Amino acid sequence: YLTIWYGVYNRQTRQLTYASAGHPPTVLLSQTATDGIQAQQLKLPGIPIGMFSDSEYVNGQCEIPPSSTLYVFSDGIYEIQQPDGYSSTVAVCVSTILMRCSTKFTVLTVSKPLAMIAPCCK
């Protein structure tokens, strides 16, 4: 089986249509009117491809504001075992992206409430 996040961007309408099959959420960072950073986790339900032959997937849509950045990453970025024996989490990965972009940000999600973001360790 495999996980995937797939997106199709329409440049004319600035619309992104996306779907996920068990993949970590993509993070969309956009500037707010008050010069802060707004983060959206583009996450949808979906199990990895190949686990069940009758799996169905849904897609989502969002508008991409000007000067936005879209972060698409593999689960391998945070599942690397650290010297202390622990692996990181999606929340820590998202937190690290946010910490490097701004100290002032708002966290939103597209599909469901975000669990508390763990503080950045490094």
Protein backbone atom coordinates (compact mmCIF):
# COMPACT_ATOMS: atom_id res chain seq x y z
CA TYR A 1 0.00 0.00 0.00
CA LEU A 2 0.99 3.65 -0.27
CA THR A 3 -0.10 7.04 1.01
CA ILE A 4 -0.54 10.06 -1.22
CA TRP A 5 -1.72 13.66 -1.12
CA TYR A 6 -2.75 14.87 -4.56
CA GLY A 7 -3.61 18.40 -5.61
CA VAL A 8 -4.59 20.17 -8.82
CA TYR A 9 -4.20 23.96 -8.90
CA ASN A 10 -6.17 26.23 -11.26
CA ARG A 11 -4.05 29.35 -11.79
CA GLN A 12 -6.89 31.39 -13.25
CA THR A 13 -9.30 30.87 -10.36
CA ARG A 14 -6.63 30.33 -7.66
CA GLN A 15 -8.55 27.18 -6.64
CA LEU A 16 -6.83 24.07 -5.33
CA THR A 17 -8.68 20.75 -5.49
CA TYR A 18 -7.05 18.03 -3.42
CA ALA A 19 -7.49 14.53 -1.99
CA SER A 20 -5.62 12.36 0.47
CA ALA A 21 -5.10 8.65 0.94
CA GLY A 22 -3.67 8.32 4.44
CA HIS A 23 -1.04 10.99 3.85
CA PRO A 24 -0.04 13.73 6.29
CA PRO A 25 -1.85 17.02 5.73
CA THR A 26 -0.39 19.61 3.41
CA VAL A 27 0.12 22.97 5.11
CA LEU A 28 -0.97 26.20 3.41
CA LEU A 29 0.56 29.37 4.86
CA SER A 30 -1.00 32.72 3.93
CA GLN A 31 -0.55 36.25 5.19
CA THR A 32 -3.37 37.79 7.23
CA ALA A 33 -4.55 41.40 7.05
CA THR A 34 -2.57 42.11 10.25
CA ASP A 35 0.74 40.77 8.82
CA GLY A 36 0.43 37.50 10.70
CA ILE A 37 0.58 34.04 9.17
CA GLN A 38 -2.52 31.89 8.81
CA ALA A 39 -1.92 28.14 8.60
CA GLN A 40 -4.42 25.71 7.14
CA GLN A 41 -3.93 21.97 7.27
CA LEU A 42 -5.40 20.57 4.07
CA LYS A 43 -6.44 17.18 5.40
CA LEU A 44 -9.20 14.84 4.34
CA PRO A 45 -10.12 11.34 5.48
CA GLY A 46 -8.80 8.48 3.39
CA ILE A 47 -6.98 5.22 3.92
CA PRO A 48 -3.77 4.31 2.09
CA ILE A 49 -4.18 3.14 -1.49
CA GLY A 50 -4.14 -0.63 -1.87
CA MET A 51 -5.39 -1.54 1.62
CA PHE A 52 -8.95 -2.32 0.46
CA SER A 53 -10.16 -2.74 -3.11
CA ASP A 54 -13.46 -0.93 -2.50
CA SER A 55 -12.01 2.23 -0.92
CA GLU A 56 -13.60 5.55 -1.83
CA TYR A 57 -12.01 8.97 -1.52
CA VAL A 58 -13.35 12.50 -1.25
CA ASN A 59 -11.84 15.74 -2.47
CA GLY A 60 -11.67 19.20 -0.95
CA GLN A 61 -11.24 22.66 -2.40
CA CYS A 62 -9.78 25.89 -1.17
CA GLU A 63 -8.73 29.23 -2.57
CA ILE A 64 -5.01 29.98 -2.54
CA PRO A 65 -4.47 33.63 -1.53
CA PRO A 66 -1.67 35.62 -3.22
CA SER A 67 1.81 35.20 -1.69
CA SER A 68 0.90 31.86 -0.08
CA THR A 69 3.21 28.91 0.42
CA LEU A 70 2.09 25.29 0.20
CA TYR A 71 4.14 22.69 2.11
CA VAL A 72 3.72 19.10 0.93
CA PHE A 73 5.83 16.62 2.86
CA SER A 74 6.21 12.91 3.46
CA ASP A 75 5.57 11.20 6.77
CA GLY A 76 9.24 10.25 6.60
CA ILE A 77 10.14 13.80 7.59
CA TYR A 78 8.85 13.30 11.13
CA GLU A 79 8.97 9.50 11.56
CA ILE A 80 12.77 9.46 11.70
CA GLN A 81 13.81 7.95 15.00
CA GLN A 82 15.72 10.46 17.14
CA PRO A 83 18.77 9.57 19.27
CA ASP A 84 16.48 9.39 22.33
CA GLY A 85 14.45 6.64 20.59
CA TYR A 86 11.38 8.74 19.91
CA SER A 87 9.88 9.86 16.61
CA SER A 88 8.30 13.23 16.05
CA THR A 89 4.68 13.93 15.03
CA VAL A 90 2.77 15.81 12.34
CA ALA A 91 1.95 18.48 14.96
CA VAL A 92 5.64 19.08 15.71
CA CYS A 93 6.44 19.22 11.98
CA VAL A 94 3.68 21.82 11.40
CA SER A 95 4.81 23.73 14.48
CA THR A 96 8.38 23.83 13.16
CA ILE A 97 7.19 25.23 9.81
CA LEU A 98 5.20 27.90 11.64
CA MET A 99 8.02 28.81 14.01
CA ARG A 100 10.40 29.33 11.11
CA CYS A 101 7.91 31.56 9.24
CA SER A 102 6.60 33.78 12.02
CA THR A 103 6.17 34.13 15.74
CA LYS A 104 2.64 35.45 15.19
CA PHE A 105 0.21 33.07 13.52
CA THR A 106 -3.33 31.74 13.48
CA VAL A 107 -3.99 28.02 13.10
CA LEU A 108 -7.01 26.82 11.10
CA THR A 109 -8.00 23.53 9.54
CA VAL A 110 -10.13 22.78 6.55
CA SER A 111 -11.86 19.59 7.64
CA LYS A 112 -11.86 19.29 11.43
CA PRO A 113 -10.44 20.97 14.55
CA LEU A 114 -6.70 20.75 14.93
CA ALA A 115 -5.31 19.03 17.98
CA MET A 116 -3.09 21.27 20.07
CA ILE A 117 0.17 21.95 18.28
CA ALA A 118 3.10 20.72 20.33
CA PRO A 119 5.86 23.24 21.01
CA CYS A 120 8.77 23.17 18.61
CA CYS A 121 11.61 21.14 20.09
CA LYS A 122 14.45 22.36 17.87
